[in-house]
C-alpha atoms as a PDB file:
ATOM      1  CA  MET A   1       0.279   0.119  -0.110  1.00  0.00           C
ATOM      2  CA  SER A   2       1.193   3.600  -0.866  1.00  0.00           C
ATOM      3  CA  ARG A   3      -1.092   5.678   0.695  1.00  0.00           C
ATOM      4  CA  VAL A   4       0.203   8.913   2.669  1.00  0.00           C
ATOM      5  CA  LEU A   5      -1.704  11.574   4.946  1.00  0.00           C
ATOM      6  CA  VAL A   6      -0.320  14.715   5.168  1.00  0.00           C
ATOM      7  CA  ILE A   7      -1.380  17.135   7.566  1.00  0.00           C
ATOM      8  CA  ASP A   8      -0.300  20.899   7.828  1.00  0.00           C
ATOM      9  CA  ASP A   9      -2.313  23.841   9.057  1.00  0.00           C
ATOM     10  CA  SER A  10      -0.703  25.606   5.792  1.00  0.00           C
ATOM     11  CA  PRO A  11      -2.954  25.297   2.549  1.00  0.00           C
ATOM     12  CA  MET A  12       0.166  25.900   0.840  1.00  0.00           C
ATOM     13  CA  LEU A  13       2.209  23.508   2.284  1.00  0.00           C
ATOM     14  CA  VAL A  14      -0.332  20.729   2.175  1.00  0.00           C
ATOM     15  CA  GLU A  15      -0.262  21.107  -2.080  1.00  0.00           C
ATOM     16  CA  LEU A  16       3.229  21.319  -2.117  1.00  0.00           C
ATOM     17  CA  THR A  17       3.605  18.121  -0.289  1.00  0.00           C
ATOM     18  CA  VAL A  18       0.866  16.224  -1.938  1.00  0.00           C
ATOM     19  CA  ARG A  19       1.548  17.119  -5.519  1.00  0.00           C
ATOM     20  CA  ALA A  20       5.338  16.197  -4.897  1.00  0.00           C
ATOM     21  CA  LEU A  21       4.404  12.803  -3.464  1.00  0.00           C
ATOM     22  CA  THR A  22       1.752  12.171  -5.944  1.00  0.00           C
ATOM     23  CA  ALA A  23       4.202  13.168  -8.938  1.00  0.00           C
ATOM     24  CA  ALA A  24       6.808  10.548  -6.898  1.00  0.00           C
ATOM     25  CA  GLY A  25       3.872   7.633  -7.483  1.00  0.00           C
ATOM     26  CA  TYR A  26       2.325   7.449  -4.072  1.00  0.00           C
ATOM     27  CA  GLN A  27      -1.647   8.235  -3.453  1.00  0.00           C
ATOM     28  CA  VAL A  28      -1.873  11.186  -1.239  1.00  0.00           C
ATOM     29  CA  SER A  29      -4.272  13.136   0.621  1.00  0.00           C
ATOM     30  CA  GLY A  30      -4.149  15.979   2.831  1.00  0.00           C
ATOM     31  CA  ALA A  31      -5.930  17.411   5.805  1.00  0.00           C
ATOM     32  CA  GLN A  32      -5.300  20.950   7.731  1.00  0.00           C
ATOM     33  CA  ASP A  33      -7.509  20.123  11.062  1.00  0.00           C
ATOM     34  CA  LEU A  34      -8.863  17.114  13.287  1.00  0.00           C
ATOM     35  CA  THR A  35     -12.191  17.445  11.103  1.00  0.00           C
ATOM     36  CA  SER A  36     -10.794  16.664   7.790  1.00  0.00           C
ATOM     37  CA  LEU A  37      -8.182  14.567   9.355  1.00  0.00           C
ATOM     38  CA  ASN A  38     -10.873  11.979  10.964  1.00  0.00           C
ATOM     39  CA  GLN A  39     -12.579  12.545   7.675  1.00  0.00           C
ATOM     40  CA  LYS A  40      -9.514  11.224   5.761  1.00  0.00           C
ATOM     41  CA  LEU A  41      -9.223   8.121   8.199  1.00  0.00           C
ATOM     42  CA  SER A  42     -12.710   7.164   7.672  1.00  0.00           C
ATOM     43  CA  GLU A  43     -11.763   6.633   3.896  1.00  0.00           C
ATOM     44  CA  GLY A  44      -9.095   3.644   4.497  1.00  0.00           C
ATOM     45  CA  PRO A  45      -5.831   3.049   5.460  1.00  0.00           C
ATOM     46  CA  PHE A  46      -2.927   4.818   5.153  1.00  0.00           C
ATOM     47  CA  ALA A  47       0.626   3.749   5.282  1.00  0.00           C
ATOM     48  CA  LEU A  48       2.181   6.701   6.262  1.00  0.00           C
ATOM     49  CA  ILE A  49       1.000   9.511   8.353  1.00  0.00           C
ATOM     50  CA  LEU A  50       3.180  13.099   8.027  1.00  0.00           C
ATOM     51  CA  MET A  51       2.221  15.609  10.235  1.00  0.00           C
ATOM     52  CA  ASP A  52       3.310  19.024  10.934  1.00  0.00           C
ATOM     53  CA  VAL A  53       4.367  19.435  14.703  1.00  0.00           C
ATOM     54  CA  ASN A  54       3.254  23.163  15.482  1.00  0.00           C
ATOM     55  CA  MET A  55      -0.389  23.687  14.267  1.00  0.00           C
ATOM     56  CA  PRO A  56      -2.918  26.423  15.602  1.00  0.00           C
ATOM     57  CA  GLU A  57      -5.738  23.326  16.676  1.00  0.00           C
ATOM     58  CA  MET A  58      -3.322  20.544  17.692  1.00  0.00           C
ATOM     59  CA  PHE A  59       0.464  19.846  17.977  1.00  0.00           C
ATOM     60  CA  GLY A  60       1.851  16.980  15.699  1.00  0.00           C
ATOM     61  CA  ASP A  61       3.252  15.031  18.556  1.00  0.00           C
ATOM     62  CA  ASP A  62      -0.119  15.107  20.380  1.00  0.00           C
ATOM     63  CA  VAL A  63      -1.834  13.703  17.566  1.00  0.00           C
ATOM     64  CA  VAL A  64       0.570  10.773  17.434  1.00  0.00           C
ATOM     65  CA  GLU A  65      -0.925   9.725  20.522  1.00  0.00           C
ATOM     66  CA  TYR A  66      -4.511  10.539  19.795  1.00  0.00           C
ATOM     67  CA  LEU A  67      -3.837   8.351  16.604  1.00  0.00           C
ATOM     68  CA  ARG A  68      -2.266   5.366  18.192  1.00  0.00           C
ATOM     69  CA  SER A  69      -4.553   4.958  21.361  1.00  0.00           C
ATOM     70  CA  GLN A  70      -7.494   6.804  20.150  1.00  0.00           C
ATOM     71  CA  LYS A  71      -7.848   5.763  16.893  1.00  0.00           C
ATOM     72  CA  LYS A  72      -5.905   2.415  16.730  1.00  0.00           C
ATOM     73  CA  VAL A  73      -3.935   3.371  13.625  1.00  0.00           C
ATOM     74  CA  THR A  74      -1.121   1.199  12.662  1.00  0.00           C
ATOM     75  CA  SER A  75       0.391   3.559   9.902  1.00  0.00           C
ATOM     76  CA  LYS A  76       4.156   5.118  10.403  1.00  0.00           C
ATOM     77  CA  LEU A  77       3.660   8.370  12.130  1.00  0.00           C
ATOM     78  CA  VAL A  78       6.061  10.981  11.015  1.00  0.00           C
ATOM     79  CA  LEU A  79       6.706  14.479  12.510  1.00  0.00           C
ATOM     80  CA  TYR A  80       7.399  17.155  10.100  1.00  0.00           C
ATOM     81  CA  SER A  81       8.718  20.640  11.261  1.00  0.00           C
ATOM     82  CA  ASP A  82      11.221  23.716  11.085  1.00  0.00           C
ATOM     83  CA  ILE A  83      11.909  23.772  14.594  1.00  0.00           C
ATOM     84  CA  SER A  84      15.260  22.251  15.243  1.00  0.00           C
ATOM     85  CA  GLU A  85      16.641  18.921  14.602  1.00  0.00           C
ATOM     86  CA  ALA A  86      17.619  18.430  18.293  1.00  0.00           C
ATOM     87  CA  GLU A  87      13.838  19.512  19.251  1.00  0.00           C
ATOM     88  CA  LEU A  88      12.111  17.520  16.684  1.00  0.00           C
ATOM     89  CA  ALA A  89      13.947  14.152  17.781  1.00  0.00           C
ATOM     90  CA  GLY A  90      13.228  14.409  21.407  1.00  0.00           C
ATOM     91  CA  LYS A  91       9.759  15.172  20.290  1.00  0.00           C
ATOM     92  CA  THR A  92       9.823  12.217  17.990  1.00  0.00           C
ATOM     93  CA  LYS A  93      11.266   9.831  20.830  1.00  0.00           C
ATOM     94  CA  ALA A  94       8.989  11.240  23.664  1.00  0.00           C
ATOM     95  CA  SER A  95       5.624  10.817  21.496  1.00  0.00           C
ATOM     96  CA  GLY A  96       6.510   7.321  19.980  1.00  0.00           C
ATOM     97  CA  ALA A  97       6.895   8.514  16.337  1.00  0.00           C
ATOM     98  CA  ASP A  98       8.260   6.372  13.892  1.00  0.00           C
ATOM     99  CA  GLY A  99      10.476   9.025  12.389  1.00  0.00           C
ATOM    100  CA  TYR A 100      10.914  12.793  11.669  1.00  0.00           C
ATOM    101  CA  ILE A 101      11.486  15.039   8.573  1.00  0.00           C
ATOM    102  CA  LEU A 102      13.160  18.346   8.527  1.00  0.00           C
ATOM    103  CA  LYS A 103      11.019  20.899   6.202  1.00  0.00           C
ATOM    104  CA  SER A 104      14.081  22.501   5.752  1.00  0.00           C
ATOM    105  CA  GLY A 105      15.256  19.775   3.528  1.00  0.00           C
ATOM    106  CA  GLY A 106      12.860  20.657   0.977  1.00  0.00           C
ATOM    107  CA  LEU A 107      10.187  18.176  -0.939  1.00  0.00           C
ATOM    108  CA  GLU A 108      13.305  15.926  -1.900  1.00  0.00           C
ATOM    109  CA  ALA A 109      13.469  15.123   2.251  1.00  0.00           C
ATOM    110  CA  VAL A 110      10.232  14.406   2.059  1.00  0.00           C
ATOM    111  CA  ILE A 111      10.095  12.119  -0.791  1.00  0.00           C
ATOM    112  CA  SER A 112      13.448  10.088   0.586  1.00  0.00           C
ATOM    113  CA  GLY A 113      11.832  10.226   4.035  1.00  0.00           C
ATOM    114  CA  VAL A 114       8.868   8.781   3.063  1.00  0.00           C
ATOM    115  CA  MET A 115      10.719   5.942   0.672  1.00  0.00           C
ATOM    116  CA  ASN A 116      12.877   4.978   3.497  1.00  0.00           C
ATOM    117  CA  LEU A 117      10.187   4.235   5.674  1.00  0.00           C
ATOM    118  CA  ILE A 118       7.337   2.767   3.520  1.00  0.00           C
ATOM    119  CA  GLY A 119       9.411   1.827   0.538  1.00  0.00           C
ATOM    120  CA  ALA A 120       8.937   2.846  -3.363  1.00  0.00           C
ATOM    121  CA  PRO A 121       5.516   3.268  -4.256  1.00  0.00           C
ATOM    122  CA  ALA A 122       3.417   0.226  -5.821  1.00  0.00           C
ATOM    123  CA  LEU A 123       4.017  -1.736  -9.099  1.00  0.00           C
ATOM    124  CA  GLY A 124       2.993   0.256 -11.827  1.00  0.00           C
ATOM    125  CA  VAL A 125       3.951   3.886 -10.663  1.00  0.00           C
ATOM    126  CA  PRO A 126       7.376   5.398 -10.962  1.00  0.00           C
ATOM    127  CA  ALA A 127       9.550   4.256  -8.384  1.00  0.00           C
ATOM    128  CA  ALA A 128      11.009   7.640  -7.401  1.00  0.00           C
ATOM    129  CA  VAL A 129      11.154  11.386  -9.032  1.00  0.00           C
ATOM    130  CA  PRO A 130      14.050  11.844 -11.376  1.00  0.00           C
ATOM    131  CA  ALA A 131      17.535  12.571  -9.775  1.00  0.00           C
ATOM    132  CA  PRO A 132      18.145  16.022  -9.527  1.00  0.00           C
ATOM    133  CA  ALA A 133      20.958  17.842 -11.927  1.00  0.00           C
ATOM    134  CA  PRO A 134      24.749  17.831 -10.321  1.00  0.00           C
ATOM    135  CA  THR A 135      25.011  20.719  -7.901  1.00  0.00           C
ATOM    136  CA  GLU A 136      27.176  23.411  -9.389  1.00  0.00           C
ATOM    137  CA  ALA A 137      29.963  24.852  -7.416  1.00  0.00           C
ATOM    138  CA  PRO A 138      28.501  27.582  -4.926  1.00  0.00           C
ATOM    139  CA  GLN A 139      29.373  31.143  -6.209  1.00  0.00           C
ATOM    140  CA  ALA A 140      30.596  33.772  -3.238  1.00  0.00           C
ATOM    141  CA  ALA A 141      27.592  35.694  -2.094  1.00  0.00           C
ATOM    142  CA  PRO A 142      27.543  39.601  -1.906  1.00  0.00           C
ATOM    143  CA  ALA A 143      27.872  40.812   1.324  1.00  0.00           C
ATOM    144  CA  ALA A 144      24.072  42.476   1.432  1.00  0.00           C
ATOM    145  CA  PRO A 145      21.849  41.461  -1.550  1.00  0.00           C
ATOM    146  CA  ALA A 146      21.683  44.642  -3.480  1.00  0.00           C
ATOM    147  CA  PRO A 147      18.486  46.007  -5.506  1.00  0.00           C
ATOM    148  CA  ILE A 148      17.817  44.171  -8.896  1.00  0.00           C
ATOM    149  CA  ALA A 149      18.731  47.154 -10.717  1.00  0.00           C
ATOM    150  CA  SER A 150      22.560  46.611  -9.927  1.00  0.00           C
ATOM    151  CA  THR A 151      22.612  42.724 -10.016  1.00  0.00           C
ATOM    152  CA  GLY A 152      22.770  42.408 -14.061  1.00  0.00           C
ATOM    153  CA  LEU A 153      20.394  39.271 -13.243  1.00  0.00           C
ATOM    154  CA  LYS A 154      19.105  38.044 -16.680  1.00  0.00           C
ATOM    155  CA  ALA A 155      16.555  34.772 -17.341  1.00  0.00           C
ATOM    156  CA  ALA A 156      18.238  31.801 -18.969  1.00  0.00           C
ATOM    157  CA  PRO A 157      17.920  32.276 -22.913  1.00  0.00           C
ATOM    158  CA  SER A 158      15.126  30.729 -24.218  1.00  0.00           C
ATOM    159  CA  THR A 159      15.001  26.821 -25.261  1.00  0.00           C
ATOM    160  CA  GLY A 160      13.179  25.153 -28.087  1.00  0.00           C
ATOM    161  CA  GLY A 161      12.036  28.728 -29.518  1.00  0.00           C
ATOM    162  CA  ARG A 162       9.653  29.269 -26.177  1.00  0.00           C
ATOM    163  CA  LYS A 163       9.170  32.739 -24.544  1.00  0.00           C
ATOM    164  CA  PRO A 164      10.869  33.328 -20.772  1.00  0.00           C
ATOM    165  CA  ARG A 165       8.220  32.623 -18.586  1.00  0.00           C
ATOM    166  CA  ILE A 166       7.343  35.330 -15.610  1.00  0.00           C
ATOM    167  CA  LEU A 167       4.991  34.548 -12.646  1.00  0.00           C
ATOM    168  CA  ILE A 168       3.830  37.736 -11.032  1.00  0.00           C
ATOM    169  CA  VAL A 169       2.447  37.054  -7.435  1.00  0.00           C
ATOM    170  CA  ASP A 170       0.546  40.423  -5.966  1.00  0.00           C
ATOM    171  CA  ASP A 171      -2.993  40.770  -4.870  1.00  0.00           C
ATOM    172  CA  SER A 172      -3.239  43.911  -6.545  1.00  0.00           C
ATOM    173  CA  GLU A 173      -4.834  43.017  -9.558  1.00  0.00           C
ATOM    174  CA  MET A 174      -4.160  46.847 -11.271  1.00  0.00           C
ATOM    175  CA  THR A 175      -0.612  46.490 -10.386  1.00  0.00           C
ATOM    176  CA  ALA A 176      -0.103  43.132 -11.716  1.00  0.00           C
ATOM    177  CA  ARG A 177      -2.090  43.784 -15.236  1.00  0.00           C
ATOM    178  CA  ILE A 178       0.498  46.568 -15.992  1.00  0.00           C
ATOM    179  CA  ILE A 179       3.345  44.895 -15.399  1.00  0.00           C
ATOM    180  CA  GLU A 180       2.018  41.843 -17.423  1.00  0.00           C
ATOM    181  CA  ALA A 181       0.726  43.796 -20.412  1.00  0.00           C
ATOM    182  CA  ASP A 182       4.075  45.899 -20.459  1.00  0.00           C
ATOM    183  CA  LEU A 183       5.950  42.448 -20.323  1.00  0.00           C
ATOM    184  CA  VAL A 184       4.289  40.798 -23.018  1.00  0.00           C
ATOM    185  CA  THR A 185       4.865  43.743 -25.168  1.00  0.00           C
ATOM    186  CA  LYS A 186       8.623  42.643 -24.516  1.00  0.00           C
ATOM    187  CA  GLY A 187       8.153  39.373 -25.400  1.00  0.00           C
ATOM    188  CA  PHE A 188       7.860  37.479 -22.147  1.00  0.00           C
ATOM    189  CA  GLU A 189       5.290  34.664 -21.455  1.00  0.00           C
ATOM    190  CA  VAL A 190       3.560  35.939 -18.367  1.00  0.00           C
ATOM    191  CA  HIS A 191       1.180  34.373 -15.487  1.00  0.00           C
ATOM    192  CA  VAL A 192      -0.430  36.234 -12.708  1.00  0.00           C
ATOM    193  CA  ALA A 193      -1.380  34.908  -9.280  1.00  0.00           C
ATOM    194  CA  ASP A 194      -2.966  36.498  -6.232  1.00  0.00           C
ATOM    195  CA  THR A 195      -3.005  33.308  -4.147  1.00  0.00           C
ATOM    196  CA  ALA A 196      -0.202  31.185  -2.794  1.00  0.00           C
ATOM    197  CA  ASP A 197      -2.628  28.136  -4.040  1.00  0.00           C
ATOM    198  CA  LYS A 198      -2.776  29.622  -7.614  1.00  0.00           C
ATOM    199  CA  ALA A 199       0.881  30.468  -7.771  1.00  0.00           C
ATOM    200  CA  THR A 200       2.077  26.667  -6.415  1.00  0.00           C
ATOM    201  CA  LYS A 201      -0.350  25.247  -9.104  1.00  0.00           C
ATOM    202  CA  ILE A 202       1.561  27.331 -12.155  1.00  0.00           C
ATOM    203  CA  ILE A 203       4.769  26.503 -10.523  1.00  0.00           C
ATOM    204  CA  LEU A 204       4.035  22.689 -10.117  1.00  0.00           C
ATOM    205  CA  LYS A 205       3.073  22.528 -14.003  1.00  0.00           C
ATOM    206  CA  LYS A 206       5.898  21.900 -16.247  1.00  0.00           C
ATOM    207  CA  GLN A 207       4.047  23.570 -18.910  1.00  0.00           C
ATOM    208  CA  THR A 208       3.587  26.940 -17.003  1.00  0.00           C
ATOM    209  CA  ARG A 209       6.578  26.542 -14.718  1.00  0.00           C
ATOM    210  CA  PRO A 210       8.340  30.268 -14.701  1.00  0.00           C
ATOM    211  CA  ASP A 211      12.239  31.080 -14.993  1.00  0.00           C
ATOM    212  CA  LEU A 212      11.268  33.829 -12.554  1.00  0.00           C
ATOM    213  CA  VAL A 213       8.767  34.857 -10.203  1.00  0.00           C
ATOM    214  CA  LEU A 214       8.136  38.674  -9.371  1.00  0.00           C
ATOM    215  CA  LEU A 215       6.777  38.124  -6.045  1.00  0.00           C
ATOM    216  CA  ASP A 216       4.886  40.778  -3.537  1.00  0.00           C
ATOM    217  CA  VAL A 217       6.375  40.348  -0.020  1.00  0.00           C
ATOM    218  CA  ARG A 218       3.096  41.576   1.930  1.00  0.00           C
ATOM    219  CA  MET A 219      -0.019  40.245   0.624  1.00  0.00           C
ATOM    220  CA  PRO A 220      -3.354  39.080   2.843  1.00  0.00           C
ATOM    221  CA  ASN A 221      -3.371  35.973   1.248  1.00  0.00           C
ATOM    222  CA  VAL A 222       0.347  35.039   0.693  1.00  0.00           C
ATOM    223  CA  ASN A 223       3.417  35.322   3.003  1.00  0.00           C
ATOM    224  CA  GLY A 224       6.006  36.337   0.650  1.00  0.00           C
ATOM    225  CA  GLU A 225       8.779  35.671   2.645  1.00  0.00           C
ATOM    226  CA  GLN A 226       7.504  32.051   3.400  1.00  0.00           C
ATOM    227  CA  PHE A 227       6.559  31.080  -0.152  1.00  0.00           C
ATOM    228  CA  CYS A 228       9.949  32.543  -1.466  1.00  0.00           C
ATOM    229  CA  ARG A 229      11.963  30.213   1.285  1.00  0.00           C
ATOM    230  CA  PHE A 230       9.856  27.038  -0.216  1.00  0.00           C
ATOM    231  CA  ILE A 231      10.750  27.822  -3.773  1.00  0.00           C
ATOM    232  CA  LYS A 232      14.476  28.407  -3.333  1.00  0.00           C
ATOM    233  CA  SER A 233      14.893  25.326  -0.988  1.00  0.00           C
ATOM    234  CA  ASN A 234      13.928  22.655  -3.227  1.00  0.00           C
ATOM    235  CA  SER A 235      15.615  21.211  -5.780  1.00  0.00           C
ATOM    236  CA  LEU A 236      12.276  20.564  -7.706  1.00  0.00           C
ATOM    237  CA  PHE A 237      12.305  24.250  -8.258  1.00  0.00           C
ATOM    238  CA  LYS A 238      15.765  24.490  -9.241  1.00  0.00           C
ATOM    239  CA  GLY A 239      16.400  27.129 -11.833  1.00  0.00           C
ATOM    240  CA  ILE A 240      13.770  29.714 -10.615  1.00  0.00           C
ATOM    241  CA  LYS A 241      14.691  32.993  -9.586  1.00  0.00           C
ATOM    242  CA  VAL A 242      13.007  34.949  -7.244  1.00  0.00           C
ATOM    243  CA  LEU A 243      12.463  38.766  -7.094  1.00  0.00           C
ATOM    244  CA  LEU A 244      10.820  40.406  -4.151  1.00  0.00           C
ATOM    245  CA  CYS A 245       8.684  43.477  -5.085  1.00  0.00           C
ATOM    246  CA  SER A 246       7.574  45.160  -1.987  1.00  0.00           C
ATOM    247  CA  GLY A 247       6.973  49.077  -0.362  1.00  0.00           C
ATOM    248  CA  GLU A 248       9.102  47.711   2.607  1.00  0.00           C
ATOM    249  CA  ASN A 249      12.495  49.504   3.529  1.00  0.00           C
ATOM    250  CA  VAL A 250      15.446  48.577   1.937  1.00  0.00           C
ATOM    251  CA  GLU A 251      16.866  46.809   5.044  1.00  0.00           C
ATOM    252  CA  GLU A 252      14.244  44.834   5.664  1.00  0.00           C
ATOM    253  CA  LEU A 253      13.809  43.876   1.705  1.00  0.00           C
ATOM    254  CA  GLN A 254      17.535  42.896   2.096  1.00  0.00           C
ATOM    255  CA  ARG A 255      16.956  40.594   5.441  1.00  0.00           C
ATOM    256  CA  ILE A 256      14.130  39.089   3.456  1.00  0.00           C
ATOM    257  CA  CYS A 257      16.592  38.071   0.510  1.00  0.00           C
ATOM    258  CA  ARG A 258      19.467  36.750   2.877  1.00  0.00           C
ATOM    259  CA  GLU A 259      17.020  34.667   4.830  1.00  0.00           C
ATOM    260  CA  ALA A 260      14.534  33.421   2.242  1.00  0.00           C
ATOM    261  CA  GLY A 261      17.366  33.005  -0.945  1.00  0.00           C
ATOM    262  CA  ALA A 262      15.659  35.555  -3.060  1.00  0.00           C
ATOM    263  CA  ASP A 263      17.719  36.950  -6.185  1.00  0.00           C
ATOM    264  CA  GLY A 264      17.217  40.338  -5.668  1.00  0.00           C
ATOM    265  CA  TYR A 265      14.189  42.929  -5.094  1.00  0.00           C
ATOM    266  CA  ILE A 266      12.832  45.681  -6.567  1.00  0.00           C
ATOM    267  CA  PRO A 267      11.272  48.575  -4.276  1.00  0.00           C
ATOM    268  CA  LYS A 268       7.289  49.107  -5.478  1.00  0.00           C
ATOM    269  CA  ASP A 269       8.075  53.041  -5.993  1.00  0.00           C
ATOM    270  CA  ALA A 270      10.344  52.062  -8.605  1.00  0.00           C
ATOM    271  CA  VAL A 271       9.318  51.755 -12.681  1.00  0.00           C
ATOM    272  CA  MET A 272       8.615  47.857 -11.915  1.00  0.00           C
ATOM    273  CA  SER A 273       7.656  47.079 -15.415  1.00  0.00           C
ATOM    274  CA  ASN A 274      10.300  48.511 -17.352  1.00  0.00           C
ATOM    275  CA  LEU A 275      13.100  47.487 -15.162  1.00  0.00           C
ATOM    276  CA  VAL A 276      12.057  43.819 -14.900  1.00  0.00           C
ATOM    277  CA  ALA A 277      11.964  43.560 -18.749  1.00  0.00           C
ATOM    278  CA  LYS A 278      15.722  45.275 -18.829  1.00  0.00           C
ATOM    279  CA  GLU A 279      16.989  43.004 -16.471  1.00  0.00           C
ATOM    280  CA  LEU A 280      15.462  39.928 -17.495  1.00  0.00           C
ATOM    281  CA  MET A 281      15.670  40.348 -21.382  1.00  0.00           C
ATOM    282  CA  PRO A 282      17.900  37.460 -22.793  1.00  0.00           C
ATOM    283  CA  GLN A 283      21.243  38.771 -24.202  1.00  0.00           C
ATOM    284  CA  GLY A 284      20.664  39.013 -27.857  1.00  0.00           C
ATOM    285  CA  GLY A 285      16.752  39.472 -27.411  1.00  0.00           C
ATOM    286  CA  GLU A 286      16.209  42.844 -27.685  1.00  0.00           C
END
């Protein structure tokens, strides 16, 4: 049996994890609270249940005890968190969970961890996702991230004749559409999303996966910093550049660039469309 249940209060993280494990060949469902958890359990047994540790309604290590004692679940139970490894290992041992996976390891760590615990998916589905390309030698990072205007960042030249793709993630439709219209006239393929769910679906599909994401940092429906960190920490999305777009002060944008791994930033008071088009235009693509 290759059924996996993912429990996390973040819809974005649930969808990312479900899609990654599904692509690896597993049958995967997601739950965000106790009600949906119980509903999923009623639909049949799971080989493994992956649960976030810190959720508003419940703690993952408490759920382990609940599932074992109250629900008599025999699935492999795995804790999943961004707390320190020492603390996570302690919670795993104290709760009786079968293992743990660090969120900092990205989706590749989830896939390999699940495979180690329950084996490859059943015959007839892919046994594993393709191995990531060899890691390039690390480049020296600047002391502090600079505005994108001075980084010289450019998108990779188009391959197979396709246009370079840009994903604009912004809750302001007017802002997004103005930038989109300008970039389209300059030869880019542009997609727009105003929520994490929509952005995630665009990134996960190979047909729409962008070369660059222009990401608003502060939005009601999207934690831009967290979304950036997820993109940059997963080898499935290797090669996607992320530019932060915000009205935050420069010091805050530099901090987010350092900690979330963004490739640069564009203050919102800049002439964004012209700046992005200039910096992304492939060499020889004028």
